[in-house]
């Protein structure tokens, strides 16, 4: 019994370009408006705007570092802290870590935490 193969010609397909998303279009429009606005300013005013923009970006980054994400709830935070504590106790006292892990598992399954 012989194996047979068939060769099918490849389909000539051209990739379809997807339209730009709304965020990309908004970014491009903002860049155009900003370039027109910046073209009317002097160097001194542009440097002042850059400093102001840099300060706003730094403030926003610092603010996002200290705000808690909305999707991080109490249960998730408790489980993370419990896991870190168990991991730390593994090196100090493995039996205490095992007891804490079992106790934590029971509390999580019981719905207390």
Protein backbone atom coordinates (compact mmCIF):
# COMPACT_ATOMS: atom_id res chain seq x y z
CA UNK A 1 0.00 0.00 0.00
CA UNK A 2 1.50 3.29 -1.07
CA UNK A 3 1.04 6.67 0.51
CA UNK A 4 -0.37 9.34 -1.77
CA UNK A 5 -0.17 13.05 -1.36
CA UNK A 6 -1.95 15.85 -3.08
CA UNK A 7 -0.53 19.29 -3.58
CA UNK A 8 -2.93 22.16 -3.46
CA UNK A 9 -1.97 25.47 -4.98
CA UNK A 10 -1.53 28.27 -2.49
CA UNK A 11 -4.21 30.87 -2.39
CA UNK A 12 -3.07 34.33 -3.33
CA UNK A 13 -4.33 36.42 -0.46
CA UNK A 14 -3.36 39.95 0.29
CA UNK A 15 -3.40 41.02 3.92
CA UNK A 16 -6.32 43.23 4.77
CA UNK A 17 -5.36 46.38 6.62
CA UNK A 18 -7.49 46.98 9.65
CA UNK A 19 -8.78 50.50 10.26
CA UNK A 20 -7.15 52.45 13.05
CA UNK A 21 -8.60 52.12 16.48
CA UNK A 22 -10.26 55.12 18.12
CA UNK A 23 -7.35 55.67 20.51
CA UNK A 24 -4.81 55.83 17.71
CA UNK A 25 -6.85 58.37 15.77
CA UNK A 26 -7.29 60.50 18.88
CA UNK A 27 -3.54 60.37 19.55
CA UNK A 28 -2.73 61.44 16.00
CA UNK A 29 -5.21 64.30 16.14
CA UNK A 30 -3.80 65.45 19.48
CA UNK A 31 -0.28 65.36 18.01
CA UNK A 32 -1.36 67.47 15.03
CA UNK A 33 -3.10 70.03 17.22
CA UNK A 34 -0.13 70.15 19.59
CA UNK A 35 2.34 70.67 16.74
CA UNK A 36 0.28 73.54 15.34
CA UNK A 37 -0.01 75.06 18.82
CA UNK A 38 3.73 74.61 19.48
CA UNK A 39 4.59 76.20 16.14
CA UNK A 40 3.15 79.47 17.36
CA UNK A 41 5.22 79.59 20.57
CA UNK A 42 8.71 80.90 21.17
CA UNK A 43 11.56 78.75 22.48
CA UNK A 44 11.17 80.12 25.97
CA UNK A 45 7.46 79.31 26.01
CA UNK A 46 8.12 75.82 24.63
CA UNK A 47 10.68 75.08 27.35
CA UNK A 48 8.17 76.28 29.93
CA UNK A 49 5.50 73.99 28.45
CA UNK A 50 7.92 71.05 28.45
CA UNK A 51 8.76 71.61 32.11
CA UNK A 52 5.09 71.87 32.96
CA UNK A 53 4.28 68.69 31.02
CA UNK A 54 7.18 66.81 32.61
CA UNK A 55 6.05 67.86 36.07
CA UNK A 56 2.47 66.73 35.33
CA UNK A 57 3.69 63.34 34.05
CA UNK A 58 5.90 62.81 37.12
CA UNK A 59 3.03 63.75 39.45
CA UNK A 60 0.71 61.32 37.66
CA UNK A 61 3.26 58.47 37.84
CA UNK A 62 3.83 59.03 41.56
CA UNK A 63 0.10 59.19 42.15
CA UNK A 64 -0.46 55.87 40.36
CA UNK A 65 2.29 54.24 42.43
CA UNK A 66 0.54 55.04 45.69
CA UNK A 67 -3.02 54.25 44.67
CA UNK A 68 -4.28 50.74 45.14
CA UNK A 69 -5.62 49.02 42.01
CA UNK A 70 -9.40 48.72 42.02
CA UNK A 71 -9.41 44.99 41.28
CA UNK A 72 -7.22 44.08 44.27
CA UNK A 73 -9.70 43.12 46.95
CA UNK A 74 -9.18 42.16 50.58
CA UNK A 75 -9.26 38.42 49.99
CA UNK A 76 -6.55 38.54 47.31
CA UNK A 77 -4.34 40.70 49.49
CA UNK A 78 -4.80 38.36 52.45
CA UNK A 79 -3.89 35.31 50.36
CA UNK A 80 -0.76 37.04 49.03
CA UNK A 81 0.36 38.03 52.53
CA UNK A 82 -0.34 34.52 53.83
CA UNK A 83 1.73 32.99 51.01
CA UNK A 84 4.66 35.32 51.72
CA UNK A 85 4.51 34.51 55.42
CA UNK A 86 4.43 30.75 54.74
CA UNK A 87 7.36 31.08 52.34
CA UNK A 88 9.37 33.00 54.95
CA UNK A 89 8.58 30.43 57.62
CA UNK A 90 9.70 27.56 55.39
CA UNK A 91 13.30 28.64 55.88
CA UNK A 92 12.95 29.44 59.60
CA UNK A 93 10.65 26.68 60.84
CA UNK A 94 9.18 24.27 58.29
CA UNK A 95 6.70 22.76 60.75
CA UNK A 96 5.30 26.20 61.65
CA UNK A 97 5.02 26.98 57.93
CA UNK A 98 3.10 23.75 57.33
CA UNK A 99 0.74 24.47 60.22
CA UNK A 100 0.17 28.03 59.00
CA UNK A 101 -0.45 26.83 55.43
CA UNK A 102 -3.02 24.26 56.57
CA UNK A 103 -4.71 26.80 58.85
CA UNK A 104 -4.82 29.35 56.03
CA UNK A 105 -6.25 26.79 53.61
CA UNK A 106 -8.97 25.85 56.10
CA UNK A 107 -9.88 29.52 56.65
CA UNK A 108 -9.98 30.20 52.91
CA UNK A 109 -12.14 27.15 52.19
CA UNK A 110 -14.44 27.97 55.11
CA UNK A 111 -14.96 31.46 53.71
CA UNK A 112 -13.69 33.30 56.76
CA UNK A 113 -10.99 35.13 54.83
